[in-house]
């Protein structure tokens, strides 16, 4: 899907189109409507870069206990 935002709207907002995408991605991530990977993709950033943007804004990464245990199992299977 393509979303078009007029130059007039972008100019009036005072931010770039890239910043609008980043802010939308962050908002959807905070609302838990997008995963970290999906939000990173929407923002056009590598996940690490997106995480840095979240950290700069003091926004925590959603990391559940279940995800933690899955990560531990994954690490154990690699050894």
Protein backbone atom coordinates (compact mmCIF):
# COMPACT_ATOMS: atom_id res chain seq x y z
CA UNK A 1 0.00 0.00 0.00
CA UNK A 2 1.23 3.45 -0.82
CA UNK A 3 0.34 6.46 1.28
CA UNK A 4 0.88 9.85 -0.25
CA UNK A 5 1.35 12.95 1.87
CA UNK A 6 1.27 16.22 0.04
CA UNK A 7 4.32 18.46 0.07
CA UNK A 8 2.13 21.16 1.60
CA UNK A 9 1.31 18.97 4.62
CA UNK A 10 4.95 17.97 5.03
CA UNK A 11 6.10 21.58 4.77
CA UNK A 12 3.48 22.75 7.27
CA UNK A 13 4.41 20.01 9.71
CA UNK A 14 7.99 21.22 9.86
CA UNK A 15 9.37 17.69 9.66
CA UNK A 16 10.56 15.54 6.79
CA UNK A 17 8.65 12.66 5.28
CA UNK A 18 11.18 10.29 6.85
CA UNK A 19 10.51 11.81 10.28
CA UNK A 20 6.76 11.39 9.77
CA UNK A 21 7.29 7.69 9.03
CA UNK A 22 9.55 7.34 12.06
CA UNK A 23 6.99 8.99 14.34
CA UNK A 24 4.21 6.81 12.96
CA UNK A 25 6.33 3.69 13.46
CA UNK A 26 7.15 4.68 17.03
CA UNK A 27 3.51 5.41 17.85
CA UNK A 28 2.33 2.09 16.42
CA UNK A 29 5.13 0.27 18.25
CA UNK A 30 4.21 1.94 21.55
CA UNK A 31 0.58 0.92 21.06
CA UNK A 32 1.84 -2.64 20.45
CA UNK A 33 0.19 -2.66 17.03
CA UNK A 34 3.54 -3.34 15.32
CA UNK A 35 6.44 -5.51 16.40
CA UNK A 36 9.92 -4.09 16.63
CA UNK A 37 10.77 -5.55 13.23
CA UNK A 38 7.61 -4.23 11.59
CA UNK A 39 8.05 -0.76 13.08
CA UNK A 40 11.70 -0.71 11.99
CA UNK A 41 10.63 -1.61 8.47
CA UNK A 42 7.96 1.11 8.41
CA UNK A 43 10.54 3.65 9.57
CA UNK A 44 12.98 2.45 6.91
CA UNK A 45 15.62 1.68 9.53
CA UNK A 46 17.62 -1.36 10.58
CA UNK A 47 16.26 -2.72 13.87
CA UNK A 48 19.37 -1.58 15.71
CA UNK A 49 18.94 1.99 14.43
CA UNK A 50 15.25 1.92 15.34
CA UNK A 51 16.16 0.75 18.85
CA UNK A 52 18.57 3.68 19.12
CA UNK A 53 15.72 6.03 18.17
CA UNK A 54 13.53 4.47 20.85
CA UNK A 55 16.29 4.81 23.44
CA UNK A 56 16.84 8.46 22.53
CA UNK A 57 13.15 9.04 23.28
CA UNK A 58 13.21 6.94 26.49
CA UNK A 59 10.74 4.45 24.99
CA UNK A 60 11.13 0.93 26.37
CA UNK A 61 11.28 -2.09 24.12
CA UNK A 62 8.48 -4.57 24.77
CA UNK A 63 10.22 -7.70 25.94
CA UNK A 64 8.04 -10.24 27.67
CA UNK A 65 9.07 -12.99 30.02
CA UNK A 66 8.05 -15.50 27.35
CA UNK A 67 10.37 -13.85 24.83
CA UNK A 68 13.16 -13.97 27.41
CA UNK A 69 12.66 -17.71 27.92
CA UNK A 70 12.54 -18.27 24.15
CA UNK A 71 15.84 -16.43 23.83
CA UNK A 72 17.37 -18.55 26.59
CA UNK A 73 16.24 -21.73 24.79
CA UNK A 74 17.70 -20.45 21.54
CA UNK A 75 21.03 -19.66 23.19
CA UNK A 76 21.11 -23.08 24.87
CA UNK A 77 20.47 -24.81 21.54
CA UNK A 78 23.41 -23.01 19.93
CA UNK A 79 25.95 -24.20 22.51
